[in-house]
N, C-alpha and C. Protein backbone atom coordinates (compact mmCIF):
# COMPACT_ATOMS: atom_id res chain seq x y z
N MET A 1 -97.02 -129.07 74.45
CA MET A 1 -96.54 -127.83 75.09
C MET A 1 -96.71 -127.54 76.76
N SER A 2 -95.19 -126.80 76.63
CA SER A 2 -94.98 -126.70 77.98
C SER A 2 -95.62 -125.16 78.51
N HIS A 3 -95.62 -125.27 80.05
CA HIS A 3 -96.09 -123.74 80.63
C HIS A 3 -95.32 -122.65 80.22
N SER A 4 -94.02 -122.98 80.26
CA SER A 4 -93.35 -121.66 80.11
C SER A 4 -93.31 -120.84 78.62
N GLY A 5 -93.84 -121.42 77.88
CA GLY A 5 -93.87 -120.98 76.62
C GLY A 5 -92.71 -121.48 75.60
N PHE A 6 -91.99 -122.88 75.62
CA PHE A 6 -91.50 -123.37 74.50
C PHE A 6 -91.71 -124.50 74.20
N THR A 7 -91.48 -124.75 73.13
CA THR A 7 -92.05 -126.50 72.62
C THR A 7 -91.56 -126.92 73.45
N ASP A 8 -92.29 -128.58 73.74
CA ASP A 8 -91.26 -129.35 74.42
C ASP A 8 -90.04 -130.20 73.38
N ILE A 9 -89.01 -130.05 73.87
CA ILE A 9 -88.22 -130.59 73.21
C ILE A 9 -87.64 -132.01 73.87
N LEU A 10 -87.30 -133.04 73.26
CA LEU A 10 -86.94 -134.61 73.99
C LEU A 10 -85.56 -135.17 73.70
N PRO A 11 -85.19 -135.59 74.52
CA PRO A 11 -83.78 -136.28 74.08
C PRO A 11 -83.80 -137.13 73.02
N GLY A 12 -83.30 -137.25 72.08
CA GLY A 12 -82.92 -138.03 70.98
C GLY A 12 -83.67 -137.13 69.72
N GLN A 13 -83.99 -136.33 70.07
CA GLN A 13 -84.60 -135.26 68.87
C GLN A 13 -83.56 -134.38 67.98
N PHE A 14 -83.90 -134.35 66.74
CA PHE A 14 -82.79 -133.62 66.29
C PHE A 14 -83.57 -131.98 65.96
N VAL A 15 -82.26 -130.95 66.28
CA VAL A 15 -82.81 -129.79 66.38
C VAL A 15 -81.90 -128.88 65.65
N ARG A 16 -82.47 -127.70 65.04
CA ARG A 16 -81.36 -126.47 64.79
C ARG A 16 -81.44 -125.29 65.78
N HIS A 17 -80.42 -124.39 65.85
CA HIS A 17 -80.23 -123.32 66.64
C HIS A 17 -80.55 -122.32 65.59
N PRO A 18 -82.08 -121.52 65.91
CA PRO A 18 -82.11 -120.90 64.93
C PRO A 18 -81.22 -119.55 64.73
N GLY A 19 -80.20 -119.07 65.88
CA GLY A 19 -79.48 -117.96 65.58
C GLY A 19 -78.16 -118.66 65.15
N ARG A 20 -77.88 -119.59 64.98
CA ARG A 20 -76.50 -120.42 64.94
C ARG A 20 -76.66 -121.44 63.70
N PRO A 21 -77.08 -121.09 62.53
CA PRO A 21 -77.39 -122.10 61.68
C PRO A 21 -76.14 -122.63 61.25
N ASP A 22 -74.57 -121.94 61.72
CA ASP A 22 -73.34 -122.39 61.09
C ASP A 22 -73.12 -123.63 62.34
N TRP A 23 -73.98 -124.03 63.33
CA TRP A 23 -73.38 -124.96 64.19
C TRP A 23 -73.92 -125.99 63.63
N GLY A 24 -74.93 -126.29 62.35
CA GLY A 24 -75.44 -127.34 61.64
C GLY A 24 -76.61 -127.78 62.61
N ILE A 25 -76.64 -129.06 62.35
CA ILE A 25 -77.82 -130.12 63.25
C ILE A 25 -77.34 -130.39 64.15
N GLY A 26 -78.24 -130.61 65.57
CA GLY A 26 -77.93 -131.27 66.82
C GLY A 26 -78.92 -132.23 67.23
N GLN A 27 -78.38 -132.74 67.84
CA GLN A 27 -79.26 -134.17 68.63
C GLN A 27 -79.51 -133.60 70.02
N VAL A 28 -80.72 -133.58 70.53
CA VAL A 28 -80.65 -133.52 72.22
C VAL A 28 -80.35 -134.79 73.00
N GLN A 29 -79.36 -134.36 73.78
CA GLN A 29 -78.96 -135.41 74.46
C GLN A 29 -79.53 -135.55 75.93
N SER A 30 -80.23 -134.44 76.31
CA SER A 30 -81.08 -134.10 77.67
C SER A 30 -81.39 -132.75 78.08
N VAL A 31 -82.60 -132.83 78.96
CA VAL A 31 -83.31 -131.77 78.78
C VAL A 31 -83.90 -131.89 80.37
N ILE A 32 -83.05 -130.87 80.88
CA ILE A 32 -83.19 -130.68 82.33
C ILE A 32 -83.89 -129.24 83.00
N ALA A 33 -84.81 -129.36 83.84
CA ALA A 33 -84.97 -127.76 84.18
C ALA A 33 -84.78 -126.68 83.24
N GLY A 34 -85.76 -126.87 81.66
CA GLY A 34 -85.45 -125.75 80.56
C GLY A 34 -84.35 -125.61 80.20
N ARG A 35 -83.46 -126.39 80.44
CA ARG A 35 -82.19 -126.37 79.43
C ARG A 35 -81.75 -127.93 79.03
N ALA A 36 -81.50 -127.59 77.63
CA ALA A 36 -81.29 -128.69 76.79
C ALA A 36 -79.74 -128.88 76.89
N THR A 37 -79.22 -130.27 77.02
CA THR A 37 -77.68 -130.06 76.34
C THR A 37 -78.02 -130.99 74.88
N VAL A 38 -77.57 -130.20 73.74
CA VAL A 38 -77.75 -130.57 72.52
C VAL A 38 -76.17 -130.71 71.87
N ASN A 39 -75.83 -131.83 71.31
CA ASN A 39 -74.49 -132.45 70.71
C ASN A 39 -74.68 -131.83 68.73
N PHE A 40 -74.07 -130.50 68.98
CA PHE A 40 -74.20 -130.00 67.54
C PHE A 40 -73.13 -130.66 66.56
N GLU A 41 -73.36 -130.96 65.07
CA GLU A 41 -72.41 -131.51 64.21
C GLU A 41 -71.07 -130.64 64.35
N ASP A 42 -71.24 -129.70 64.20
CA ASP A 42 -70.17 -128.59 63.63
C ASP A 42 -69.50 -127.83 65.22
N VAL A 43 -70.02 -128.01 66.34
CA VAL A 43 -69.27 -127.35 67.37
C VAL A 43 -69.27 -128.14 68.73
N GLY A 44 -69.85 -129.52 68.53
CA GLY A 44 -70.10 -130.08 69.93
C GLY A 44 -71.20 -129.60 70.82
N LYS A 45 -70.83 -130.37 71.96
CA LYS A 45 -72.25 -130.16 73.16
C LYS A 45 -72.26 -128.91 73.34
N VAL A 46 -73.34 -128.43 73.44
CA VAL A 46 -73.67 -127.03 73.93
C VAL A 46 -75.07 -126.78 74.71
N LEU A 47 -75.18 -126.27 75.88
CA LEU A 47 -75.98 -126.20 76.65
C LEU A 47 -76.89 -125.09 76.28
N VAL A 48 -78.56 -125.08 76.21
CA VAL A 48 -79.18 -124.38 75.62
C VAL A 48 -80.09 -123.74 76.59
N ASN A 49 -80.79 -122.85 77.13
CA ASN A 49 -81.86 -122.07 77.78
C ASN A 49 -82.84 -122.31 76.76
N LEU A 50 -84.01 -123.25 76.96
CA LEU A 50 -84.77 -123.13 75.92
C LEU A 50 -86.11 -121.94 76.09
N ALA A 51 -85.84 -121.32 77.27
CA ALA A 51 -85.99 -119.85 77.90
C ALA A 51 -86.38 -118.73 76.72
N SER A 52 -84.77 -118.99 76.43
CA SER A 52 -84.45 -117.84 75.68
C SER A 52 -84.22 -118.19 74.16
N VAL A 53 -84.12 -119.68 73.75
CA VAL A 53 -83.84 -120.14 72.12
C VAL A 53 -85.03 -120.94 72.13
N ALA A 54 -85.69 -120.38 71.03
CA ALA A 54 -86.72 -121.82 70.41
C ALA A 54 -86.23 -122.26 69.31
N LEU A 55 -85.53 -123.90 69.89
CA LEU A 55 -85.14 -124.73 69.05
C LEU A 55 -85.99 -125.24 68.06
N GLU A 56 -85.41 -125.31 66.76
CA GLU A 56 -86.40 -125.82 65.88
C GLU A 56 -86.19 -127.19 65.43
N PRO A 57 -87.14 -127.99 65.50
CA PRO A 57 -86.97 -129.30 65.40
C PRO A 57 -87.12 -130.00 64.17
N ILE A 58 -86.27 -130.90 63.70
CA ILE A 58 -85.87 -131.09 62.47
C ILE A 58 -86.87 -132.63 62.33
N GLU A 59 -87.55 -132.80 61.28
CA GLU A 59 -88.28 -134.02 61.17
C GLU A 59 -87.35 -135.21 60.85
N ASP A 60 -86.51 -134.87 59.43
CA ASP A 60 -85.53 -135.77 59.03
C ASP A 60 -84.58 -135.21 58.51
N PRO A 61 -83.10 -135.84 59.60
CA PRO A 61 -82.09 -134.80 59.45
C PRO A 61 -81.13 -135.27 58.58
N ALA A 62 -81.71 -136.05 57.44
CA ALA A 62 -81.03 -136.78 56.37
C ALA A 62 -80.64 -135.23 55.46
N PRO A 63 -79.54 -135.29 54.67
CA PRO A 63 -79.67 -134.08 53.81
C PRO A 63 -80.22 -133.98 52.55
């Protein structure tokens, strides 16, 4: 757990954006200075501020 209050998100991890379920499953590309670049299946790459959005980790992305 990080000190700034958000869960540690790691490159390669699969996640969902809780406020944008229509984006589908995303895979974290990089995490730098509290921001994650996530490649979502339905919208492409998005820069997410982890201090504002609690991405939901997904254990197994298979449908």
